[in-house]
Amino acid sequence: IPFIDPLENEKFHRLRGWTEEITTQREWRKKGVAHAL
């Protein structure tokens, strides 16, 4: 779940995006799902 905080970027003079809520259902783990996403 990516997001961008424009106010945070403006305050700290950067262009950063966040990649959070990284999840994989149990039976699909260690198969490259999170890596690909």
PDB file of all heavy atoms in Angstrom:
ATOM      1  N   ILE A   1       0.849  -1.193   0.000  1.00  0.00           N
ATOM      2  CA  ILE A   1       0.000   0.000   0.000  1.00  0.00           C
ATOM      3  C   ILE A   1       0.889   1.250   0.000  1.00  0.00           C
ATOM      4  O   ILE A   1       1.279   1.751   1.060  1.00  0.00           O
ATOM      5  CB  ILE A   1      -0.939   0.015   1.229  1.00  0.00           C
ATOM      6  CG1 ILE A   1      -1.727  -1.292   1.316  1.00  0.00           C
ATOM      7  CG2 ILE A   1      -1.864   1.218   1.172  1.00  0.00           C
ATOM      8  CD1 ILE A   1      -2.649  -1.558   0.152  1.00  0.00           C
ATOM      9  N   PRO A   2       1.259   1.744  -1.182  1.00  0.00           N
ATOM     10  CA  PRO A   2       2.069   2.964  -1.234  1.00  0.00           C
ATOM     11  C   PRO A   2       1.233   4.214  -0.924  1.00  0.00           C
ATOM     12  O   PRO A   2       0.018   4.243  -1.141  1.00  0.00           O
ATOM     13  CB  PRO A   2       2.564   3.004  -2.686  1.00  0.00           C
ATOM     14  CG  PRO A   2       2.287   1.651  -3.249  1.00  0.00           C
ATOM     15  CD  PRO A   2       1.081   1.164  -2.516  1.00  0.00           C
ATOM     16  N   PHE A   3       1.916   5.229  -0.433  1.00  0.00           N
ATOM     17  CA  PHE A   3       1.300   6.545  -0.314  1.00  0.00           C
ATOM     18  C   PHE A   3       2.384   7.599  -0.410  1.00  0.00           C
ATOM     19  O   PHE A   3       3.583   7.315  -0.267  1.00  0.00           O
ATOM     20  CB  PHE A   3       0.495   6.689   0.986  1.00  0.00           C
ATOM     21  CG  PHE A   3       1.319   6.734   2.246  1.00  0.00           C
ATOM     22  CD1 PHE A   3       1.815   7.921   2.748  1.00  0.00           C
ATOM     23  CD2 PHE A   3       1.582   5.564   2.958  1.00  0.00           C
ATOM     24  CE1 PHE A   3       2.571   7.966   3.915  1.00  0.00           C
ATOM     25  CE2 PHE A   3       2.330   5.585   4.130  1.00  0.00           C
ATOM     26  CZ  PHE A   3       2.828   6.792   4.608  1.00  0.00           C
ATOM     27  N   ILE A   4       1.965   8.815  -0.671  1.00  0.00           N
ATOM     28  CA  ILE A   4       2.868   9.962  -0.759  1.00  0.00           C
ATOM     29  C   ILE A   4       2.319  11.049   0.151  1.00  0.00           C
ATOM     30  O   ILE A   4       1.120  11.341   0.108  1.00  0.00           O
ATOM     31  CB  ILE A   4       2.958  10.486  -2.211  1.00  0.00           C
ATOM     32  CG1 ILE A   4       3.547   9.413  -3.136  1.00  0.00           C
ATOM     33  CG2 ILE A   4       3.787  11.768  -2.279  1.00  0.00           C
ATOM     34  CD1 ILE A   4       3.386   9.721  -4.608  1.00  0.00           C
ATOM     35  N   ASP A   5       3.182  11.606   0.995  1.00  0.00           N
ATOM     36  CA  ASP A   5       2.767  12.693   1.886  1.00  0.00           C
ATOM     37  C   ASP A   5       3.378  13.995   1.368  1.00  0.00           C
ATOM     38  O   ASP A   5       4.543  14.295   1.642  1.00  0.00           O
ATOM     39  CB  ASP A   5       3.230  12.412   3.311  1.00  0.00           C
ATOM     40  CG  ASP A   5       2.658  13.410   4.314  1.00  0.00           C
ATOM     41  OD1 ASP A   5       2.326  14.542   3.906  1.00  0.00           O
ATOM     42  OD2 ASP A   5       2.534  13.068   5.502  1.00  0.00           O
ATOM     43  N   PRO A   6       2.629  14.788   0.610  1.00  0.00           N
ATOM     44  CA  PRO A   6       3.188  16.022   0.039  1.00  0.00           C
ATOM     45  C   PRO A   6       3.671  17.011   1.097  1.00  0.00           C
ATOM     46  O   PRO A   6       4.678  17.698   0.894  1.00  0.00           O
ATOM     47  CB  PRO A   6       2.015  16.602  -0.773  1.00  0.00           C
ATOM     48  CG  PRO A   6       1.100  15.454  -1.017  1.00  0.00           C
ATOM     49  CD  PRO A   6       1.232  14.570   0.182  1.00  0.00           C
ATOM     50  N   LEU A   7       2.960  17.098   2.221  1.00  0.00           N
ATOM     51  CA  LEU A   7       3.364  18.045   3.268  1.00  0.00           C
ATOM     52  C   LEU A   7       4.683  17.629   3.900  1.00  0.00           C
ATOM     53  O   LEU A   7       5.550  18.469   4.174  1.00  0.00           O
ATOM     54  CB  LEU A   7       2.271  18.148   4.327  1.00  0.00           C
ATOM     55  CG  LEU A   7       0.923  18.699   3.849  1.00  0.00           C
ATOM     56  CD1 LEU A   7      -0.070  18.747   5.007  1.00  0.00           C
ATOM     57  CD2 LEU A   7       1.086  20.086   3.243  1.00  0.00           C
ATOM     58  N   GLU A   8       4.839  16.335   4.146  1.00  0.00           N
ATOM     59  CA  GLU A   8       6.096  15.828   4.690  1.00  0.00           C
ATOM     60  C   GLU A   8       7.239  16.092   3.713  1.00  0.00           C
ATOM     61  O   GLU A   8       8.329  16.528   4.108  1.00  0.00           O
ATOM     62  CB  GLU A   8       5.960  14.332   4.968  1.00  0.00           C
ATOM     63  CG  GLU A   8       7.215  13.675   5.506  1.00  0.00           C
ATOM     64  CD  GLU A   8       7.052  12.175   5.625  1.00  0.00           C
ATOM     65  OE1 GLU A   8       6.444  11.726   6.611  1.00  0.00           O
ATOM     66  OE2 GLU A   8       7.525  11.460   4.708  1.00  0.00           O
ATOM     67  N   ASN A   9       7.009  15.834   2.433  1.00  0.00           N
ATOM     68  CA  ASN A   9       8.049  16.056   1.435  1.00  0.00           C
ATOM     69  C   ASN A   9       8.432  17.530   1.338  1.00  0.00           C
ATOM     70  O   ASN A   9       9.614  17.871   1.208  1.00  0.00           O
ATOM     71  CB  ASN A   9       7.583  15.539   0.070  1.00  0.00           C
ATOM     72  CG  ASN A   9       7.672  14.030  -0.035  1.00  0.00           C
ATOM     73  OD1 ASN A   9       8.395  13.387   0.727  1.00  0.00           O
ATOM     74  ND2 ASN A   9       6.939  13.452  -0.960  1.00  0.00           N
ATOM     75  N   GLU A  10       7.429  18.389   1.410  1.00  0.00           N
ATOM     76  CA  GLU A  10       7.717  19.823   1.358  1.00  0.00           C
ATOM     77  C   GLU A  10       8.534  20.266   2.571  1.00  0.00           C
ATOM     78  O   GLU A  10       9.506  21.024   2.447  1.00  0.00           O
ATOM     79  CB  GLU A  10       6.402  20.612   1.295  1.00  0.00           C
ATOM     80  CG  GLU A  10       6.594  22.119   1.245  1.00  0.00           C
ATOM     81  CD  GLU A  10       5.281  22.877   1.193  1.00  0.00           C
ATOM     82  OE1 GLU A  10       4.213  22.235   1.304  1.00  0.00           O
ATOM     83  OE2 GLU A  10       5.322  24.114   1.061  1.00  0.00           O
ATOM     84  N   LYS A  11       8.170  19.774   3.737  1.00  0.00           N
ATOM     85  CA  LYS A  11       8.865  20.179   4.962  1.00  0.00           C
ATOM     86  C   LYS A  11      10.316  19.733   4.963  1.00  0.00           C
ATOM     87  O   LYS A  11      11.208  20.477   5.408  1.00  0.00           O
ATOM     88  CB  LYS A  11       8.134  19.597   6.179  1.00  0.00           C
ATOM     89  CG  LYS A  11       8.773  19.982   7.501  1.00  0.00           C
ATOM     90  CD  LYS A  11       7.934  19.503   8.675  1.00  0.00           C
ATOM     91  CE  LYS A  11       8.558  19.923   9.997  1.00  0.00           C
ATOM     92  NZ  LYS A  11       7.734  19.487  11.153  1.00  0.00           N
ATOM     93  N   PHE A  12      10.572  18.522   4.467  1.00  0.00           N
ATOM     94  CA  PHE A  12      11.928  17.976   4.535  1.00  0.00           C
ATOM     95  C   PHE A  12      12.661  18.039   3.186  1.00  0.00           C
ATOM     96  O   PHE A  12      13.727  17.442   3.040  1.00  0.00           O
ATOM     97  CB  PHE A  12      11.881  16.545   5.068  1.00  0.00           C
ATOM     98  CG  PHE A  12      11.368  16.471   6.484  1.00  0.00           C
ATOM     99  CD1 PHE A  12      10.089  16.007   6.762  1.00  0.00           C
ATOM    100  CD2 PHE A  12      12.154  16.909   7.540  1.00  0.00           C
ATOM    101  CE1 PHE A  12       9.603  15.967   8.054  1.00  0.00           C
ATOM    102  CE2 PHE A  12      11.685  16.872   8.843  1.00  0.00           C
ATOM    103  CZ  PHE A  12      10.412  16.406   9.107  1.00  0.00           C
ATOM    104  N   HIS A  13      12.081  18.777   2.246  1.00  0.00           N
ATOM    105  CA  HIS A  13      12.741  19.060   0.966  1.00  0.00           C
ATOM    106  C   HIS A  13      13.197  17.771   0.269  1.00  0.00           C
ATOM    107  O   HIS A  13      14.362  17.611  -0.085  1.00  0.00           O
ATOM    108  CB  HIS A  13      13.939  20.000   1.171  1.00  0.00           C
ATOM    109  CG  HIS A  13      13.605  21.228   1.953  1.00  0.00           C
ATOM    110  ND1 HIS A  13      12.818  22.243   1.440  1.00  0.00           N
ATOM    111  CD2 HIS A  13      13.922  21.599   3.225  1.00  0.00           C
ATOM    112  CE1 HIS A  13      12.683  23.199   2.364  1.00  0.00           C
ATOM    113  NE2 HIS A  13      13.328  22.824   3.451  1.00  0.00           N
ATOM    114  N   ARG A  14      12.240  16.858   0.077  1.00  0.00           N
ATOM    115  CA  ARG A  14      12.555  15.602  -0.577  1.00  0.00           C
ATOM    116  C   ARG A  14      11.338  15.137  -1.380  1.00  0.00           C
ATOM    117  O   ARG A  14      10.247  15.727  -1.289  1.00  0.00           O
ATOM    118  CB  ARG A  14      12.943  14.540   0.454  1.00  0.00           C
ATOM    119  CG  ARG A  14      11.827  14.158   1.409  1.00  0.00           C
ATOM    120  CD  ARG A  14      12.335  13.309   2.544  1.00  0.00           C
ATOM    121  NE  ARG A  14      11.270  12.955   3.475  1.00  0.00           N
ATOM    122  CZ  ARG A  14      11.458  12.669   4.758  1.00  0.00           C
ATOM    123  NH1 ARG A  14      12.678  12.688   5.265  1.00  0.00           N
ATOM    124  NH2 ARG A  14      10.445  12.348   5.535  1.00  0.00           N
ATOM    125  N   LEU A  15      11.530  14.089  -2.142  1.00  0.00           N
ATOM    126  CA  LEU A  15      10.449  13.473  -2.909  1.00  0.00           C
ATOM    127  C   LEU A  15      10.430  11.989  -2.546  1.00  0.00           C
ATOM    128  O   LEU A  15      10.989  11.153  -3.251  1.00  0.00           O
ATOM    129  CB  LEU A  15      10.660  13.678  -4.411  1.00  0.00           C
ATOM    130  CG  LEU A  15      10.507  15.116  -4.902  1.00  0.00           C
ATOM    131  CD1 LEU A  15      10.956  15.233  -6.353  1.00  0.00           C
ATOM    132  CD2 LEU A  15       9.052  15.590  -4.758  1.00  0.00           C
ATOM    133  N   ARG A  16       9.802  11.675  -1.421  1.00  0.00           N
ATOM    134  CA  ARG A  16       9.771  10.315  -0.885  1.00  0.00           C
ATOM    135  C   ARG A  16       8.357   9.749  -0.955  1.00  0.00           C
ATOM    136  O   ARG A  16       7.400  10.414  -0.607  1.00  0.00           O
ATOM    137  CB  ARG A  16      10.256  10.302   0.564  1.00  0.00           C
ATOM    138  CG  ARG A  16      10.088   8.942   1.262  1.00  0.00           C
ATOM    139  CD  ARG A  16      10.495   8.996   2.726  1.00  0.00           C
ATOM    140  NE  ARG A  16      11.930   9.141   2.878  1.00  0.00           N
ATOM    141  CZ  ARG A  16      12.538   9.244   4.057  1.00  0.00           C
ATOM    142  NH1 ARG A  16      11.835   9.234   5.181  1.00  0.00           N
ATOM    143  NH2 ARG A  16      13.856   9.369   4.120  1.00  0.00           N
ATOM    144  N   GLY A  17       8.276   8.515  -1.393  1.00  0.00           N
ATOM    145  CA  GLY A  17       7.036   7.760  -1.301  1.00  0.00           C
ATOM    146  C   GLY A  17       7.211   6.643  -0.292  1.00  0.00           C
ATOM    147  O   GLY A  17       8.326   6.192  -0.026  1.00  0.00           O
ATOM    148  N   TRP A  18       6.099   6.185   0.271  1.00  0.00           N
ATOM    149  CA  TRP A  18       6.137   5.122   1.277  1.00  0.00           C
ATOM    150  C   TRP A  18       5.500   3.856   0.722  1.00  0.00           C
ATOM    151  O   TRP A  18       4.527   3.921  -0.039  1.00  0.00           O
ATOM    152  CB  TRP A  18       5.395   5.566   2.537  1.00  0.00           C
ATOM    153  CG  TRP A  18       6.124   6.635   3.288  1.00  0.00           C
ATOM    154  CD1 TRP A  18       6.076   7.987   3.062  1.00  0.00           C
ATOM    155  CD2 TRP A  18       7.036   6.449   4.369  1.00  0.00           C
ATOM    156  NE1 TRP A  18       6.898   8.653   3.936  1.00  0.00           N
ATOM    157  CE2 TRP A  18       7.504   7.734   4.754  1.00  0.00           C
ATOM    158  CE3 TRP A  18       7.499   5.332   5.055  1.00  0.00           C
ATOM    159  CZ2 TRP A  18       8.403   7.914   5.793  1.00  0.00           C
ATOM    160  CZ3 TRP A  18       8.405   5.508   6.091  1.00  0.00           C
ATOM    161  CH2 TRP A  18       8.850   6.785   6.457  1.00  0.00           C
ATOM    162  N   THR A  19       6.046   2.717   1.099  1.00  0.00           N
ATOM    163  CA  THR A  19       5.507   1.417   0.699  1.00  0.00           C
ATOM    164  C   THR A  19       5.207   0.633   1.977  1.00  0.00           C
ATOM    165  O   THR A  19       6.097   0.030   2.570  1.00  0.00           O
ATOM    166  CB  THR A  19       6.508   0.642  -0.176  1.00  0.00           C
ATOM    167  OG1 THR A  19       7.768   0.550   0.500  1.00  0.00           O
ATOM    168  CG2 THR A  19       6.722   1.361  -1.510  1.00  0.00           C
ATOM    169  N   GLU A  20       3.946   0.681   2.391  1.00  0.00           N
ATOM    170  CA  GLU A  20       3.565   0.091   3.674  1.00  0.00           C
ATOM    171  C   GLU A  20       2.526  -1.018   3.490  1.00  0.00           C
ATOM    172  O   GLU A  20       2.132  -1.335   2.374  1.00  0.00           O
ATOM    173  CB  GLU A  20       3.019   1.181   4.599  1.00  0.00           C
ATOM    174  CG  GLU A  20       4.024   2.286   4.916  1.00  0.00           C
ATOM    175  CD  GLU A  20       5.136   1.862   5.876  1.00  0.00           C
ATOM    176  OE1 GLU A  20       5.422   0.651   5.991  1.00  0.00           O
ATOM    177  OE2 GLU A  20       5.729   2.749   6.517  1.00  0.00           O
ATOM    178  N   GLU A  21       2.105  -1.602   4.627  1.00  0.00           N
ATOM    179  CA  GLU A  21       1.114  -2.685   4.634  1.00  0.00           C
ATOM    180  C   GLU A  21       1.508  -3.772   3.636  1.00  0.00           C
ATOM    181  O   GLU A  21       0.720  -4.202   2.793  1.00  0.00           O
ATOM    182  CB  GLU A  21      -0.290  -2.146   4.307  1.00  0.00           C
ATOM    183  CG  GLU A  21      -0.696  -0.909   5.077  1.00  0.00           C
ATOM    184  CD  GLU A  21      -0.727  -1.124   6.587  1.00  0.00           C
ATOM    185  OE1 GLU A  21      -0.808  -2.291   7.016  1.00  0.00           O
ATOM    186  OE2 GLU A  21      -0.671  -0.132   7.323  1.00  0.00           O
ATOM    187  N   ILE A  22       2.754  -4.222   3.755  1.00  0.00           N
ATOM    188  CA  ILE A  22       3.276  -5.260   2.859  1.00  0.00           C
ATOM    189  C   ILE A  22       2.894  -6.616   3.447  1.00  0.00           C
ATOM    190  O   ILE A  22       3.387  -7.008   4.505  1.00  0.00           O
ATOM    191  CB  ILE A  22       4.802  -5.124   2.703  1.00  0.00           C
ATOM    192  CG1 ILE A  22       5.139  -3.736   2.148  1.00  0.00           C
ATOM    193  CG2 ILE A  22       5.350  -6.211   1.784  1.00  0.00           C
ATOM    194  CD1 ILE A  22       6.629  -3.417   2.113  1.00  0.00           C
ATOM    195  N   THR A  23       2.003  -7.317   2.769  1.00  0.00           N
ATOM    196  CA  THR A  23       1.474  -8.571   3.311  1.00  0.00           C
ATOM    197  C   THR A  23       1.451  -9.659   2.246  1.00  0.00           C
ATOM    198  O   THR A  23       1.347  -9.376   1.050  1.00  0.00           O
ATOM    199  CB  THR A  23       0.035  -8.406   3.839  1.00  0.00           C
ATOM    200  OG1 THR A  23      -0.872  -8.234   2.734  1.00  0.00           O
ATOM    201  CG2 THR A  23      -0.084  -7.232   4.784  1.00  0.00           C
ATOM    202  N   THR A  24       1.533 -10.897   2.718  1.00  0.00           N
ATOM    203  CA  THR A  24       1.330 -12.076   1.866  1.00  0.00           C
ATOM    204  C   THR A  24       0.577 -13.122   2.685  1.00  0.00           C
ATOM    205  O   THR A  24       0.928 -13.370   3.850  1.00  0.00           O
ATOM    206  CB  THR A  24       2.662 -12.676   1.393  1.00  0.00           C
ATOM    207  OG1 THR A  24       3.457 -11.658   0.770  1.00  0.00           O
ATOM    208  CG2 THR A  24       2.422 -13.802   0.388  1.00  0.00           C
ATOM    209  N   GLN A  25      -0.435 -13.723   2.101  1.00  0.00           N
ATOM    210  CA  GLN A  25      -1.145 -14.798   2.793  1.00  0.00           C
ATOM    211  C   GLN A  25      -0.199 -15.980   3.008  1.00  0.00           C
ATOM    212  O   GLN A  25       0.710 -16.238   2.214  1.00  0.00           O
ATOM    213  CB  GLN A  25      -2.370 -15.222   2.001  1.00  0.00           C
ATOM    214  CG  GLN A  25      -3.410 -14.113   1.822  1.00  0.00           C
ATOM    215  CD  GLN A  25      -3.937 -13.556   3.140  1.00  0.00           C
ATOM    216  OE1 GLN A  25      -4.157 -14.301   4.097  1.00  0.00           O
ATOM    217  NE2 GLN A  25      -4.125 -12.242   3.187  1.00  0.00           N
ATOM    218  N   ARG A  26      -0.410 -16.680   4.096  1.00  0.00           N
ATOM    219  CA  ARG A  26       0.536 -17.684   4.581  1.00  0.00           C
ATOM    220  C   ARG A  26       0.985 -18.679   3.510  1.00  0.00           C
ATOM    221  O   ARG A  26       2.182 -18.947   3.347  1.00  0.00           O
ATOM    222  CB  ARG A  26      -0.066 -18.428   5.776  1.00  0.00           C
ATOM    223  CG  ARG A  26       0.888 -19.406   6.435  1.00  0.00           C
ATOM    224  CD  ARG A  26       0.229 -20.120   7.591  1.00  0.00           C
ATOM    225  NE  ARG A  26      -0.167 -19.180   8.640  1.00  0.00           N
ATOM    226  CZ  ARG A  26      -0.839 -19.567   9.730  1.00  0.00           C
ATOM    227  NH1 ARG A  26      -1.201 -20.831   9.874  1.00  0.00           N
ATOM    228  NH2 ARG A  26      -1.154 -18.682  10.660  1.00  0.00           N
ATOM    229  N   GLU A  27       0.042 -19.240   2.744  1.00  0.00           N
ATOM    230  CA  GLU A  27       0.403 -20.296   1.790  1.00  0.00           C
ATOM    231  C   GLU A  27       1.171 -19.774   0.581  1.00  0.00           C
ATOM    232  O   GLU A  27       1.727 -20.564  -0.198  1.00  0.00           O
ATOM    233  CB  GLU A  27      -0.858 -21.044   1.337  1.00  0.00           C
ATOM    234  CG  GLU A  27      -1.815 -20.221   0.503  1.00  0.00           C
ATOM    235  CD  GLU A  27      -2.799 -19.427   1.336  1.00  0.00           C
ATOM    236  OE1 GLU A  27      -2.516 -19.164   2.529  1.00  0.00           O
ATOM    237  OE2 GLU A  27      -3.860 -19.054   0.783  1.00  0.00           O
ATOM    238  N   TRP A  28       1.226 -18.443   0.413  1.00  0.00           N
ATOM    239  CA  TRP A  28       1.963 -17.863  -0.727  1.00  0.00           C
ATOM    240  C   TRP A  28       3.291 -17.244  -0.301  1.00  0.00           C
ATOM    241  O   TRP A  28       3.978 -16.631  -1.129  1.00  0.00           O
ATOM    242  CB  TRP A  28       1.093 -16.819  -1.424  1.00  0.00           C
ATOM    243  CG  TRP A  28       0.121 -17.417  -2.396  1.00  0.00           C
ATOM    244  CD1 TRP A  28      -1.194 -17.715  -2.185  1.00  0.00           C
ATOM    245  CD2 TRP A  28       0.397 -17.807  -3.744  1.00  0.00           C
ATOM    246  NE1 TRP A  28      -1.762 -18.255  -3.310  1.00  0.00           N
ATOM    247  CE2 TRP A  28      -0.802 -18.323  -4.295  1.00  0.00           C
ATOM    248  CE3 TRP A  28       1.540 -17.783  -4.552  1.00  0.00           C
ATOM    249  CZ2 TRP A  28      -0.891 -18.797  -5.607  1.00  0.00           C
ATOM    250  CZ3 TRP A  28       1.456 -18.248  -5.848  1.00  0.00           C
ATOM    251  CH2 TRP A  28       0.252 -18.749  -6.366  1.00  0.00           C
ATOM    252  N   ARG A  29       3.673 -17.387   0.943  1.00  0.00           N
ATOM    253  CA  ARG A  29       4.922 -16.771   1.401  1.00  0.00           C
ATOM    254  C   ARG A  29       6.142 -17.503   0.858  1.00  0.00           C
ATOM    255  O   ARG A  29       6.084 -18.691   0.559  1.00  0.00           O
ATOM    256  CB  ARG A  29       4.948 -16.732   2.936  1.00  0.00           C
ATOM    257  CG  ARG A  29       3.956 -15.733   3.492  1.00  0.00           C
ATOM    258  CD  ARG A  29       3.854 -15.760   4.995  1.00  0.00           C
ATOM    259  NE  ARG A  29       2.747 -14.896   5.426  1.00  0.00           N
ATOM    260  CZ  ARG A  29       2.187 -14.922   6.625  1.00  0.00           C
ATOM    261  NH1 ARG A  29       2.637 -15.773   7.538  1.00  0.00           N
ATOM    262  NH2 ARG A  29       1.190 -14.110   6.914  1.00  0.00           N
ATOM    263  N   LYS A  30       7.217 -16.727   0.745  1.00  0.00           N
ATOM    264  CA  LYS A  30       8.513 -17.223   0.255  1.00  0.00           C
ATOM    265  C   LYS A  30       8.422 -17.714  -1.198  1.00  0.00           C
ATOM    266  O   LYS A  30       9.179 -18.590  -1.623  1.00  0.00           O
ATOM    267  CB  LYS A  30       9.066 -18.315   1.177  1.00  0.00           C
ATOM    268  CG  LYS A  30       9.258 -17.836   2.620  1.00  0.00           C
ATOM    269  CD  LYS A  30       9.979 -18.843   3.466  1.00  0.00           C
ATOM    270  CE  LYS A  30      10.064 -18.380   4.921  1.00  0.00           C
ATOM    271  NZ  LYS A  30      10.761 -17.099   5.098  1.00  0.00           N
ATOM    272  N   LYS A  31       7.488 -17.126  -1.954  1.00  0.00           N
ATOM    273  CA  LYS A  31       7.362 -17.445  -3.378  1.00  0.00           C
ATOM    274  C   LYS A  31       7.543 -16.206  -4.252  1.00  0.00           C
ATOM    275  O   LYS A  31       7.313 -16.260  -5.453  1.00  0.00           O
ATOM    276  CB  LYS A  31       6.003 -18.090  -3.646  1.00  0.00           C
ATOM    277  CG  LYS A  31       5.824 -19.436  -2.940  1.00  0.00           C
ATOM    278  CD  LYS A  31       4.458 -20.057  -3.232  1.00  0.00           C
ATOM    279  CE  LYS A  31       4.311 -21.390  -2.499  1.00  0.00           C
ATOM    280  NZ  LYS A  31       2.992 -22.030  -2.759  1.00  0.00           N
ATOM    281  N   GLY A  32       7.924 -15.096  -3.611  1.00  0.00           N
ATOM    282  CA  GLY A  32       8.219 -13.893  -4.379  1.00  0.00           C
ATOM    283  C   GLY A  32       7.068 -12.936  -4.570  1.00  0.00           C
ATOM    284  O   GLY A  32       7.185 -11.966  -5.328  1.00  0.00           O
ATOM    285  N   VAL A  33       5.951 -13.142  -3.859  1.00  0.00           N
ATOM    286  CA  VAL A  33       4.790 -12.271  -4.039  1.00  0.00           C
ATOM    287  C   VAL A  33       5.088 -10.852  -3.558  1.00  0.00           C
ATOM    288  O   VAL A  33       4.912  -9.873  -4.301  1.00  0.00           O
ATOM    289  CB  VAL A  33       3.560 -12.833  -3.301  1.00  0.00           C
ATOM    290  CG1 VAL A  33       2.376 -11.870  -3.430  1.00  0.00           C
ATOM    291  CG2 VAL A  33       3.193 -14.207  -3.849  1.00  0.00           C
ATOM    292  N   ALA A  34       5.536 -10.726  -2.308  1.00  0.00           N
ATOM    293  CA  ALA A  34       5.829  -9.400  -1.756  1.00  0.00           C
ATOM    294  C   ALA A  34       6.942  -8.720  -2.542  1.00  0.00           C
ATOM    295  O   ALA A  34       6.892  -7.502  -2.789  1.00  0.00           O
ATOM    296  CB  ALA A  34       6.204  -9.514  -0.281  1.00  0.00           C
ATOM    297  N   HIS A  35       7.936  -9.485  -2.932  1.00  0.00           N
ATOM    298  CA  HIS A  35       9.058  -8.946  -3.716  1.00  0.00           C
ATOM    299  C   HIS A  35       8.538  -8.319  -5.002  1.00  0.00           C
ATOM    300  O   HIS A  35       8.885  -7.180  -5.350  1.00  0.00           O
ATOM    301  CB  HIS A  35      10.046 -10.076  -4.010  1.00  0.00           C
ATOM    302  CG  HIS A  35      11.381  -9.615  -4.459  1.00  0.00           C
ATOM    303  ND1 HIS A  35      12.527 -10.362  -4.265  1.00  0.00           N
ATOM    304  CD2 HIS A  35      11.790  -8.504  -5.120  1.00  0.00           C
ATOM    305  CE1 HIS A  35      13.553  -9.719  -4.772  1.00  0.00           C
ATOM    306  NE2 HIS A  35      13.129  -8.588  -5.305  1.00  0.00           N
ATOM    307  N   ALA A  36       7.674  -9.042  -5.714  1.00  0.00           N
ATOM    308  CA  ALA A  36       7.140  -8.548  -6.984  1.00  0.00           C
ATOM    309  C   ALA A  36       6.275  -7.305  -6.785  1.00  0.00           C
ATOM    310  O   ALA A  36       6.382  -6.323  -7.542  1.00  0.00           O
ATOM    311  CB  ALA A  36       6.338  -9.651  -7.669  1.00  0.00           C
ATOM    312  N   LEU A  37       5.420  -7.327  -5.777  1.00  0.00           N
ATOM    313  CA  LEU A  37       4.549  -6.183  -5.527  1.00  0.00           C
ATOM    314  C   LEU A  37       5.346  -4.958  -5.097  1.00  0.00           C
ATOM    315  O   LEU A  37       5.015  -3.822  -5.470  1.00  0.00           O
ATOM    316  CB  LEU A  37       3.511  -6.536  -4.467  1.00  0.00           C
ATOM    317  CG  LEU A  37       2.459  -7.577  -4.871  1.00  0.00           C
ATOM    318  CD1 LEU A  37       1.562  -7.893  -3.681  1.00  0.00           C
ATOM    319  CD2 LEU A  37       1.624  -7.108  -6.052  1.00  0.00           C
TER     320      LEU A  37
END
